[in-house]
Amino acid sequence: MNKLEVINEDGEKVLVEIIVSFSIEEFNKNYIVYTLNDRGDSPTVTVLISEIVYQNDKPKIVVIPENEISFVLNFYDNIRDSIAGER
């Protein structure tokens, strides 16, 4: 997995560990599936999905608009299932 320093919605720099990235042509947007501040000492890990944009050549994570969430989650589910060999 790749670690990347990004700017969050509050304008703060945070380190994320990218699990997978993908694009959705219908929205012309890029997304990352990632963990945030995972130290590896917990049996459970929160996995997040955000849009990623570049401002002044710096990556920034953006909240997915409400009207796009269902489509993005279904798209990700298809990717996950394909990787897991379930489809």
Protein backbone atom coordinates (compact mmCIF):
# COMPACT_ATOMS: atom_id res chain seq x y z
CA MET A 1 0.00 0.00 0.00
CA ASN A 2 1.08 3.53 -0.69
CA LYS A 3 1.25 6.24 1.92
CA LEU A 4 0.40 9.76 0.83
CA GLU A 5 0.22 13.06 2.65
CA VAL A 6 -3.02 14.82 1.71
CA ILE A 7 -4.92 17.90 2.74
CA ASN A 8 -8.21 17.09 4.46
CA GLU A 9 -11.47 19.07 4.41
CA ASP A 10 -10.22 21.16 7.35
CA GLY A 11 -7.07 22.16 5.45
CA GLU A 12 -4.85 19.97 7.64
CA LYS A 13 -2.10 17.69 6.35
CA VAL A 14 -2.82 14.04 7.14
CA LEU A 15 -1.07 10.81 6.22
CA VAL A 16 -3.26 8.22 4.54
CA GLU A 17 -2.48 4.71 3.39
CA ILE A 18 -4.07 4.08 0.00
CA ILE A 19 -5.60 0.65 -0.49
CA VAL A 20 -6.87 1.24 -4.02
CA SER A 21 -7.65 4.15 -6.31
CA PHE A 22 -10.15 4.33 -9.14
CA SER A 23 -11.81 6.74 -11.55
CA ILE A 24 -15.44 7.04 -12.54
CA GLU A 25 -15.78 8.39 -16.06
CA GLU A 26 -19.45 9.37 -15.59
CA PHE A 27 -18.37 11.93 -13.00
CA ASN A 28 -14.89 12.58 -14.42
CA LYS A 29 -13.53 12.17 -10.87
CA ASN A 30 -10.85 10.15 -9.08
CA TYR A 31 -11.32 8.37 -5.76
CA ILE A 32 -9.15 6.67 -3.16
CA VAL A 33 -9.99 3.94 -0.68
CA TYR A 34 -7.73 4.46 2.33
CA THR A 35 -7.05 4.17 6.01
CA LEU A 36 -6.27 7.15 8.16
CA ASN A 37 -3.71 7.17 10.95
CA ASP A 38 -3.65 3.37 11.20
CA ARG A 39 -0.80 2.32 13.49
CA GLY A 40 -1.44 -1.38 12.87
CA ASP A 41 -2.10 -2.19 16.52
CA SER A 42 -5.89 -2.57 16.31
CA PRO A 43 -7.77 -5.67 15.12
CA THR A 44 -10.19 -3.44 13.19
CA VAL A 45 -9.40 -0.67 10.75
CA THR A 46 -11.73 2.00 9.42
CA VAL A 47 -11.64 2.16 5.63
CA LEU A 48 -12.72 5.41 3.97
CA ILE A 49 -13.52 6.47 0.41
CA SER A 50 -13.06 10.04 -0.76
CA GLU A 51 -12.70 11.94 -3.97
CA ILE A 52 -9.13 13.07 -4.53
CA VAL A 53 -8.29 16.30 -6.34
CA TYR A 54 -5.05 18.17 -6.86
CA GLN A 55 -4.80 21.84 -5.95
CA ASN A 56 -1.48 23.53 -6.65
CA ASP A 57 -0.03 20.04 -7.29
CA LYS A 58 -1.01 18.94 -3.76
CA PRO A 59 -3.47 16.08 -3.20
CA LYS A 60 -6.64 16.94 -1.32
CA ILE A 61 -9.39 14.58 -0.18
CA VAL A 62 -12.93 15.78 -0.75
CA VAL A 63 -16.21 14.47 0.66
CA ILE A 64 -18.27 12.69 -1.99
CA PRO A 65 -21.48 14.64 -2.76
CA GLU A 66 -24.62 13.02 -1.36
CA ASN A 67 -26.12 12.44 -4.82
CA GLU A 68 -23.01 10.45 -5.92
CA ILE A 69 -22.45 8.27 -2.84
CA SER A 70 -24.59 5.32 -3.89
CA PHE A 71 -23.02 5.15 -7.36
CA VAL A 72 -19.47 5.40 -5.96
CA LEU A 73 -20.11 2.71 -3.32
CA ASN A 74 -21.61 0.35 -5.93
CA PHE A 75 -18.63 0.97 -8.20
CA TYR A 76 -16.24 0.20 -5.34
CA ASP A 77 -18.21 -2.93 -4.37
CA ASN A 78 -17.76 -4.22 -7.94
CA ILE A 79 -14.00 -3.55 -7.78
CA ARG A 80 -13.72 -5.25 -4.37
CA ASP A 81 -15.71 -8.27 -5.49
CA SER A 82 -13.64 -8.58 -8.68
CA ILE A 83 -10.42 -8.53 -6.68
CA ALA A 84 -11.81 -11.09 -4.24
CA GLY A 85 -12.95 -13.29 -7.15
CA GLU A 86 -16.60 -13.08 -6.13
CA ARG A 87 -17.83 -11.88 -9.54
